[in-house]
Each structure stands twice: as C-alpha cells, then as structure tokens.
Amino acid sequence: MLREPEGRYFMYGTGSKGAVAFPAFSSTDLVHWTPLGETYQRNPADSWCTDFFWAPEVYHAGNIYYMVYSAQWRNNPSNEKENFRIGVASAANPRGPFRDLRNAPLFDPGYPAIDADVLFDSDGRIYMFYSRCCYKHPVESELADWARKQKLYSEIEESWIYGVEVKPDFSGINGEPVLILRPPVKLGDRSTEWENLSVTTHEVNRRWTEGPAAFKHGDTYYLMYSANHYLGENYALGYATSKHPLGPYRKAANNPVLKKNTDRGGAVSGPAHNCVTWSPDGKEMLCLYAGRTAATGKRRVLFMDRMEIQKDGTLVVHGPTTTPQKLPSS
C-alpha cells in the first residue's frame, strides 16, 4: 500500500505471468477504489523473470517510484521448482508502467526469496526484509524430532525472514543478509506454539515465517510477520520488536495478534500477510491483510482493520471483522 503526501492511496496486487502484471487500484478514502489495470511491463522473451509474480510493494523516493516484487528466475540450470528471487522496477508515477531497473534480480542470496518489504529509516538508510522459502530447507528442531516420533514427517522445512541494507538507488545491497526471524527451535513456549500449527495439525511438513511488514514507532522497530500455511486456516499474524532495524528482534508475548475467528463463531480464516497504512487524516493506524470467509472459500480477499501501538509498546490489531465499521478518520 502506497500513501502519497497529497492523500491518495495506491494498492497493488499479485499479478499474472504474461507481459504485464500487478493490478493496481487507487482511492482517497480507503473505501472507494478505482481500478488502474496492470502496472508492470516486461518482455517475456528475455526478461529475467518468467512467472509466479507475487507480493508487489511500491515506494516513493525522490522523483522515482520503486516497485519490489517476487518472481521465478529464468536462470535455473538445475530446474528448481521454486527458483524465486526479488526484482526491482521503477516508474515516473505510481500508475506505472514499472520497468525493471536491470534485467536481473536485485541480488542472489543462493536460495529462493519472496515477500520483499522496504523500510526507509529516519537516518536515510534503506533496509529490505524478505523471506527465504521453505523449499529444500529442512531444519532440525524439537518439533522436527516430535514429527518423526509421531511418524508424521521425516523432516520439517522452514522459511526464515532476513534483512539487508539496500543501496539508495536500489541498484544492489550493502553487506550480507542477516537472519532476523525464524520459527521456534524449542517446544514449550506458549507465545510461539501458534507458529507450529501447520505441522501439529498434520497439514504439511513446513513452518513459515514470511510476509514481513516493518515500520518504526518512536525509537522501536516493529516487524510484523505471518506464520503457518498461507492456504490453511491457521495462517496468522505476529510481530517482533528491536532497537535496530537489523535486530536482534524479540517476538511479542501477545502473538498472534490476528488469527482465525471461526473457532469463536466468526467466518474468517487464514488472516495474515499484511501491510500497514494510516487514515486520511493520519490519526488511525490501519492493518490491511488477506483472508478467507465461508463465502469466499479458498479465494483470499482483502480485509482492513484498525490497529494501534499501546502506551507500553504492545501492538494490537482489532480484527478480523466482517461487520460494518466506521469509515477511516478523515
């Protein structure tokens, strides 16, 4: 979600695998939206990326709009099923067309990477957070031992969130990525056991830490993240805090801050992978996220709920809701 200084919002979504991708919508009140069509253009014959166009985010820096996104990398000599990398495209305005800064990913960490999120710090430095995919990433833990003893799975693959400083012109990175967040190694911590549900409910042999959304509040950095299978009912949202953008981060005791309500008489499942924005008057903090209802089935739709940082630093999301709400304050 991009919020321009004059008050207009731009929302970008996961796109197709053709010559164009990433549909966008604009609004002045976060309620009424105008479709803008696809915003990213490439030449499919020789573009660095081929398909699986996911999770675009757009940022305004100087006179340029930068789009970060995930896609399948054409350079795939070993024919990996998940060969995702992060690309950067630019445009003169938020409607696009966005075109790649170069015909290559931003960087190659040596493993599939998705869900890029950018933080512009108050000192002018820029940081990117992203998720290393579960693909071919088996990790030993007490949960993995438990799964083997239960004869559920022989291994548990995990996705981890990393952070790295980005050059001011988005032409590359400074230094090496740093591990920021991962699923819990030990069992028994009640504040992190929700991150194990994809395994403990016998859904799949994977644990996710993905969909980072970073922001700074006062002198504290907040990193929101999603855990569990994104197509499952237990996909949910948590956060961690730090005094430095690259950590160390401490997961919050009140996690998850957003989860299904179907077990409490509600209709929403899998609410996660969010972004954060503010109301038109800048007074209300808002959490936008994907989720499903009984009516939408497997199709994910967009939700928006109010959120806040309480006086003691605790982050709270007031959702998921499906009942009518007051309009965002203007």
Protein backbone atom coordinates (compact mmCIF):
# COMPACT_ATOMS: atom_id res chain seq x y z
CA MET A 1 0.00 0.00 0.00
CA LEU A 2 1.41 3.38 -1.07
CA ARG A 3 0.09 6.52 0.63
CA GLU A 4 1.00 9.68 -1.21
CA PRO A 5 1.53 13.00 0.65
CA GLU A 6 -1.50 14.64 -1.00
CA GLY A 7 -3.73 11.88 0.34
CA ARG A 8 -4.21 9.37 -2.47
CA TYR A 9 -3.66 5.67 -1.83
CA PHE A 10 -2.41 3.08 -4.30
CA MET A 11 -2.87 -0.62 -3.72
CA TYR A 12 -1.03 -3.27 -5.75
CA GLY A 13 -1.83 -6.96 -6.04
CA THR A 14 -0.27 -10.22 -7.16
CA GLY A 15 -0.39 -10.46 -10.95
CA SER A 16 -0.25 -12.82 -13.91
CA LYS A 17 2.64 -14.32 -15.87
CA GLY A 18 2.16 -12.50 -19.16
CA ALA A 19 3.79 -9.36 -20.49
CA VAL A 20 2.09 -7.29 -17.79
CA ALA A 21 1.39 -7.94 -14.13
CA PHE A 22 0.40 -6.43 -10.78
CA PRO A 23 -3.03 -4.82 -10.97
CA ALA A 24 -3.40 -1.57 -9.03
CA PHE A 25 -6.26 0.43 -7.53
CA SER A 26 -6.43 3.99 -6.23
CA SER A 27 -8.52 5.63 -3.53
CA THR A 28 -8.75 8.81 -1.48
CA ASP A 29 -10.71 7.33 1.44
CA LEU A 30 -9.64 3.64 1.60
CA VAL A 31 -13.24 2.64 0.88
CA HIS A 32 -13.99 3.52 -2.73
CA TRP A 33 -11.41 2.17 -5.18
CA THR A 34 -10.72 2.85 -8.86
CA PRO A 35 -9.02 0.07 -10.88
CA LEU A 36 -5.91 1.19 -12.77
CA GLY A 37 -5.11 -2.01 -14.65
CA GLU A 38 -1.76 -3.82 -14.72
CA THR A 39 1.19 -1.64 -13.75
CA TYR A 40 4.32 -3.70 -14.53
CA GLN A 41 5.58 -4.39 -18.05
CA ARG A 42 8.30 -6.68 -19.35
CA ASN A 43 9.40 -8.52 -22.48
CA PRO A 44 8.55 -12.18 -21.77
CA ALA A 45 11.07 -13.42 -24.35
CA ASP A 46 14.16 -12.23 -22.49
CA SER A 47 13.05 -10.91 -19.11
CA TRP A 48 14.99 -12.18 -16.06
CA CYS A 49 11.70 -13.48 -14.63
CA THR A 50 9.21 -15.89 -16.13
CA ASP A 51 6.14 -16.37 -13.89
CA PHE A 52 4.86 -16.55 -10.29
CA PHE A 53 4.61 -12.76 -9.94
CA TRP A 54 3.92 -12.19 -6.25
CA ALA A 55 3.73 -9.60 -3.49
CA PRO A 56 4.47 -6.22 -5.10
CA GLU A 57 5.15 -3.19 -2.93
CA VAL A 58 5.71 0.35 -4.21
CA TYR A 59 7.70 3.15 -2.55
CA HIS A 60 8.24 6.81 -3.46
CA ALA A 61 11.83 8.03 -3.12
CA GLY A 62 12.85 11.35 -4.63
CA ASN A 63 11.19 11.62 -8.02
CA ILE A 64 11.09 7.87 -8.61
CA TYR A 65 8.60 5.16 -7.68
CA TYR A 66 10.21 1.82 -6.92
CA MET A 67 8.39 -1.49 -7.05
CA VAL A 68 9.84 -4.55 -5.31
CA TYR A 69 8.33 -7.92 -6.16
CA SER A 70 8.96 -11.67 -6.27
CA ALA A 71 9.10 -13.83 -9.39
CA GLN A 72 10.57 -17.03 -10.80
CA TRP A 73 14.13 -16.51 -12.06
CA ARG A 74 14.84 -17.60 -15.62
CA ASN A 75 18.39 -18.60 -14.66
CA ASN A 76 17.54 -22.10 -13.45
CA PRO A 77 20.11 -24.65 -14.66
CA SER A 78 19.08 -27.30 -12.13
CA ASN A 79 15.36 -26.85 -12.93
CA GLU A 80 14.34 -25.96 -9.38
CA LYS A 81 10.60 -25.90 -8.76
CA GLU A 82 10.96 -22.82 -6.57
CA ASN A 83 13.58 -20.51 -8.01
CA PHE A 84 12.14 -17.21 -6.82
CA ARG A 85 14.12 -14.01 -6.46
CA ILE A 86 13.34 -10.35 -5.75
CA GLY A 87 13.23 -7.80 -8.54
CA VAL A 88 13.08 -4.00 -8.57
CA ALA A 89 11.27 -1.93 -11.17
CA SER A 90 10.77 1.82 -11.40
CA ALA A 91 8.33 4.31 -12.87
CA ALA A 92 7.78 8.06 -13.04
CA ASN A 93 4.37 7.81 -11.36
CA PRO A 94 2.54 5.27 -9.20
CA ARG A 95 0.35 4.13 -12.09
CA GLY A 96 3.36 2.86 -13.98
CA PRO A 97 4.35 1.40 -16.27
CA PHE A 98 7.01 -0.07 -14.00
CA ARG A 99 10.04 -1.49 -15.78
CA ASP A 100 12.95 -3.39 -14.29
CA LEU A 101 15.96 -1.35 -13.27
CA ARG A 102 18.08 -4.10 -14.77
CA ASN A 103 17.44 -7.46 -16.38
CA ALA A 104 18.38 -9.39 -13.25
CA PRO A 105 17.22 -9.83 -9.67
CA LEU A 106 18.26 -7.25 -7.07
CA PHE A 107 20.67 -9.85 -5.63
CA ASP A 108 21.12 -13.61 -5.44
CA PRO A 109 21.22 -14.98 -1.88
CA GLY A 110 21.68 -18.54 -3.17
CA TYR A 111 18.17 -19.70 -2.23
CA PRO A 112 14.60 -18.80 -3.27
CA ALA A 113 13.41 -15.49 -1.80
CA ILE A 114 9.99 -13.81 -1.73
CA ASP A 115 7.88 -11.16 0.03
CA ALA A 116 10.17 -8.12 -0.07
CA ASP A 117 9.34 -5.22 2.25
CA VAL A 118 11.31 -1.97 2.49
CA LEU A 119 11.93 0.29 5.48
CA PHE A 120 13.15 3.86 4.98
CA ASP A 121 14.87 4.70 8.25
CA SER A 122 15.00 8.16 9.80
CA ASP A 123 18.77 8.40 9.16
CA GLY A 124 18.27 7.99 5.41
CA ARG A 125 19.36 4.36 5.19
CA ILE A 126 17.14 1.82 3.47
CA TYR A 127 16.55 -1.75 4.62
CA MET A 128 14.82 -4.66 2.94
CA PHE A 129 13.22 -7.61 4.67
CA TYR A 130 12.32 -10.78 2.80
CA SER A 131 11.54 -14.45 3.35
CA ARG A 132 13.74 -17.39 2.45
CA CYS A 133 11.39 -20.06 1.09
CA CYS A 134 10.81 -23.42 2.80
CA TYR A 135 11.85 -25.18 -0.40
CA LYS A 136 14.75 -27.59 0.22
CA HIS A 137 15.41 -26.02 3.62
CA PRO A 138 14.99 -28.79 6.22
CA VAL A 139 15.76 -27.60 9.75
CA GLU A 140 16.35 -29.57 12.93
CA SER A 141 14.27 -28.59 15.95
CA GLU A 142 12.33 -30.13 18.80
CA LEU A 143 9.25 -30.01 16.56
CA ALA A 144 11.10 -31.95 13.85
CA ASP A 145 12.02 -34.58 16.44
CA TRP A 146 8.39 -34.75 17.57
CA ALA A 147 7.14 -35.14 13.98
CA ARG A 148 9.49 -38.06 13.40
CA LYS A 149 8.47 -39.76 16.65
CA GLN A 150 4.81 -39.34 15.65
CA LYS A 151 5.69 -40.81 12.23
CA LEU A 152 4.16 -37.76 10.58
CA TYR A 153 7.11 -36.38 8.62
CA SER A 154 10.76 -37.30 8.18
CA GLU A 155 11.81 -33.64 8.00
CA ILE A 156 10.39 -30.17 8.53
CA GLU A 157 11.23 -27.43 6.03
CA GLU A 158 11.18 -23.81 7.19
CA SER A 159 11.09 -20.30 5.79
CA TRP A 160 13.05 -17.58 7.61
CA ILE A 161 12.98 -13.79 7.42
CA TYR A 162 16.22 -11.96 6.58
CA GLY A 163 17.12 -8.28 6.47
CA VAL A 164 19.70 -6.39 4.43
CA GLU A 165 20.61 -2.78 3.71
CA VAL A 166 19.73 -1.60 0.20
CA LYS A 167 21.65 0.98 -1.83
CA PRO A 168 19.88 4.37 -2.12
CA ASP A 169 19.23 3.90 -5.85
CA PHE A 170 18.04 0.28 -5.40
CA SER A 171 20.86 -0.94 -7.64
CA GLY A 172 22.01 -3.55 -5.13
CA ILE A 173 22.61 -4.31 -1.46
CA ASN A 174 25.22 -3.29 1.09
CA GLY A 175 26.69 -6.16 3.05
CA GLU A 176 25.21 -9.62 3.51
CA PRO A 177 21.66 -10.52 4.58
CA VAL A 178 21.16 -11.05 8.32
CA LEU A 179 18.81 -13.64 9.81
CA ILE A 180 16.01 -11.74 11.56
CA LEU A 181 13.25 -14.23 12.48
CA ARG A 182 12.68 -17.99 12.29
CA PRO A 183 10.22 -20.50 13.76
CA PRO A 184 10.88 -21.56 17.38
CA VAL A 185 13.63 -24.15 17.89
CA LYS A 186 12.22 -25.42 21.18
CA LEU A 187 8.74 -26.52 22.18
CA GLY A 188 7.06 -25.35 25.35
CA ASP A 189 6.98 -21.59 24.74
CA ARG A 190 3.26 -20.80 24.71
CA SER A 191 3.82 -17.47 22.93
CA THR A 192 5.31 -19.21 19.86
CA GLU A 193 3.41 -22.51 19.73
CA TRP A 194 0.91 -20.96 17.27
CA GLU A 195 3.73 -20.98 14.67
CA ASN A 196 3.75 -24.81 14.74
CA LEU A 197 0.13 -25.40 13.75
CA SER A 198 0.78 -26.35 10.11
CA VAL A 199 2.77 -29.30 11.45
CA THR A 200 0.92 -30.15 14.66
CA THR A 201 -2.45 -30.22 12.85
CA HIS A 202 -0.91 -32.62 10.29
CA GLU A 203 -1.41 -30.11 7.47
CA VAL A 204 2.06 -30.09 5.89
CA ASN A 205 5.72 -30.65 6.78
CA ARG A 206 6.56 -26.94 6.66
CA ARG A 207 6.77 -23.98 9.04
CA TRP A 208 6.64 -20.47 7.62
CA THR A 209 8.00 -17.11 8.75
CA GLU A 210 7.11 -14.82 5.87
CA GLY A 211 5.30 -11.68 4.72
CA PRO A 212 7.41 -9.15 6.66
CA ALA A 213 5.98 -5.67 7.22
CA ALA A 214 8.35 -3.29 9.02
CA PHE A 215 7.81 0.17 10.48
CA LYS A 216 9.30 2.39 13.17
CA HIS A 217 7.32 3.76 16.11
CA GLY A 218 9.23 6.10 18.38
CA ASP A 219 12.64 4.51 18.85
CA THR A 220 11.36 0.95 18.33
CA TYR A 221 11.32 -1.08 15.13
CA TYR A 222 8.29 -3.32 14.62
CA LEU A 223 8.42 -6.26 12.25
CA MET A 224 5.10 -7.96 11.57
CA TYR A 225 5.22 -11.46 10.08
CA SER A 226 2.97 -14.34 9.06
CA ALA A 227 3.25 -17.97 10.10
CA ASN A 228 1.67 -21.29 9.04
CA HIS A 229 0.47 -22.43 5.63
CA TYR A 230 -0.82 -19.48 3.59
CA LEU A 231 -3.60 -21.66 2.14
CA GLY A 232 -4.57 -23.07 5.54
CA GLU A 233 -6.99 -21.86 8.19
CA ASN A 234 -4.20 -21.29 10.74
CA TYR A 235 -2.30 -18.68 8.72
CA ALA A 236 -1.93 -15.89 11.29
CA LEU A 237 -0.07 -12.69 12.10
CA GLY A 238 2.54 -11.88 14.74
CA TYR A 239 5.21 -9.26 15.37
CA ALA A 240 8.62 -8.72 16.90
CA THR A 241 10.46 -5.60 18.09
CA SER A 242 14.02 -4.30 18.12
CA LYS A 243 16.04 -1.16 18.76
CA HIS A 244 17.94 -1.59 15.49
CA PRO A 245 16.48 -2.29 12.03
CA LEU A 246 18.58 -5.44 11.60
CA GLY A 247 17.92 -6.73 15.10
CA PRO A 248 18.11 -8.61 17.27
CA TYR A 249 14.31 -8.87 17.31
CA ARG A 250 12.21 -10.20 20.18
CA LYS A 251 8.89 -11.86 19.40
CA ALA A 252 5.92 -10.41 21.26
CA ALA A 253 4.26 -12.22 24.14
CA ASN A 254 0.77 -11.35 22.81
CA ASN A 255 1.28 -13.14 19.47
CA PRO A 256 -0.59 -13.93 17.34
CA VAL A 257 -2.20 -10.52 17.03
CA LEU A 258 -4.52 -11.67 14.25
CA LYS A 259 -5.85 -15.19 13.70
CA LYS A 260 -8.93 -17.06 12.52
CA ASN A 261 -12.20 -16.46 14.34
CA THR A 262 -14.07 -19.48 13.02
CA ASP A 263 -13.42 -21.23 16.33
CA ARG A 264 -15.18 -18.32 18.09
CA GLY A 265 -18.29 -18.19 15.94
CA GLY A 266 -16.83 -15.97 13.21
CA ALA A 267 -16.38 -16.53 9.48
CA VAL A 268 -12.73 -15.55 8.83
CA SER A 269 -9.81 -17.96 8.45
CA GLY A 270 -6.18 -17.50 7.43
CA PRO A 271 -5.92 -13.72 8.11
CA ALA A 272 -2.30 -12.68 7.53
CA HIS A 273 0.35 -11.26 5.16
CA ASN A 274 -0.35 -7.64 5.91
CA CYS A 275 0.74 -4.11 5.26
CA VAL A 276 0.28 -1.01 7.42
CA THR A 277 -1.06 2.40 6.47
CA TRP A 278 -2.75 5.41 8.06
CA SER A 279 -6.17 7.00 7.72
CA PRO A 280 -6.56 10.09 5.50
CA ASP A 281 -6.11 12.41 8.50
CA GLY A 282 -3.14 10.41 9.76
CA LYS A 283 -4.73 9.66 13.14
CA GLU A 284 -5.70 5.99 12.74
CA MET A 285 -3.28 3.14 12.11
CA LEU A 286 -4.72 0.51 9.79
CA CYS A 287 -3.79 -3.10 9.05
CA LEU A 288 -4.61 -4.46 5.60
CA TYR A 289 -4.36 -8.22 5.14
CA ALA A 290 -5.62 -11.18 3.15
CA GLY A 291 -8.06 -13.76 4.48
CA ARG A 292 -10.92 -16.06 3.57
CA THR A 293 -14.52 -16.45 4.67
CA ALA A 294 -17.08 -19.20 4.35
CA ALA A 295 -18.50 -17.28 1.38
CA THR A 296 -15.18 -16.85 -0.47
CA GLY A 297 -13.96 -20.42 0.10
CA LYS A 298 -10.33 -20.82 -0.97
CA ARG A 299 -10.27 -17.38 -2.61
CA ARG A 300 -8.48 -14.81 -0.47
CA VAL A 301 -9.93 -11.31 -0.20
CA LEU A 302 -8.66 -8.06 1.30
CA PHE A 303 -9.56 -7.04 4.85
CA MET A 304 -8.81 -3.78 6.67
CA ASP A 305 -8.96 -3.30 10.44
CA ARG A 306 -7.79 -0.71 12.88
CA MET A 307 -4.59 -1.35 14.81
CA GLU A 308 -2.70 0.54 17.49
CA ILE A 309 0.50 0.70 19.48
CA GLN A 310 -0.47 0.96 23.13
CA LYS A 311 1.40 3.08 25.67
CA ASP A 312 3.52 0.12 26.79
CA GLY A 313 4.55 -0.63 23.18
CA THR A 314 2.17 -3.55 22.68
CA LEU A 315 0.81 -3.85 19.13
CA VAL A 316 -2.89 -4.71 18.85
CA VAL A 317 -4.96 -5.43 15.73
CA HIS A 318 -8.72 -5.04 16.22
CA GLY A 319 -9.87 -7.85 13.96
CA PRO A 320 -10.71 -9.83 12.00
CA THR A 321 -14.04 -8.12 11.43
CA THR A 322 -16.78 -8.67 8.85
CA THR A 323 -19.38 -6.33 10.33
CA PRO A 324 -19.82 -2.69 9.16
CA GLN A 325 -17.25 -0.28 10.58
CA LYS A 326 -16.90 3.46 10.78
CA LEU A 327 -15.04 4.99 7.86
CA PRO A 328 -11.34 5.68 8.40
CA SER A 329 -10.98 9.09 10.02
CA SER A 330 -10.53 11.99 7.62
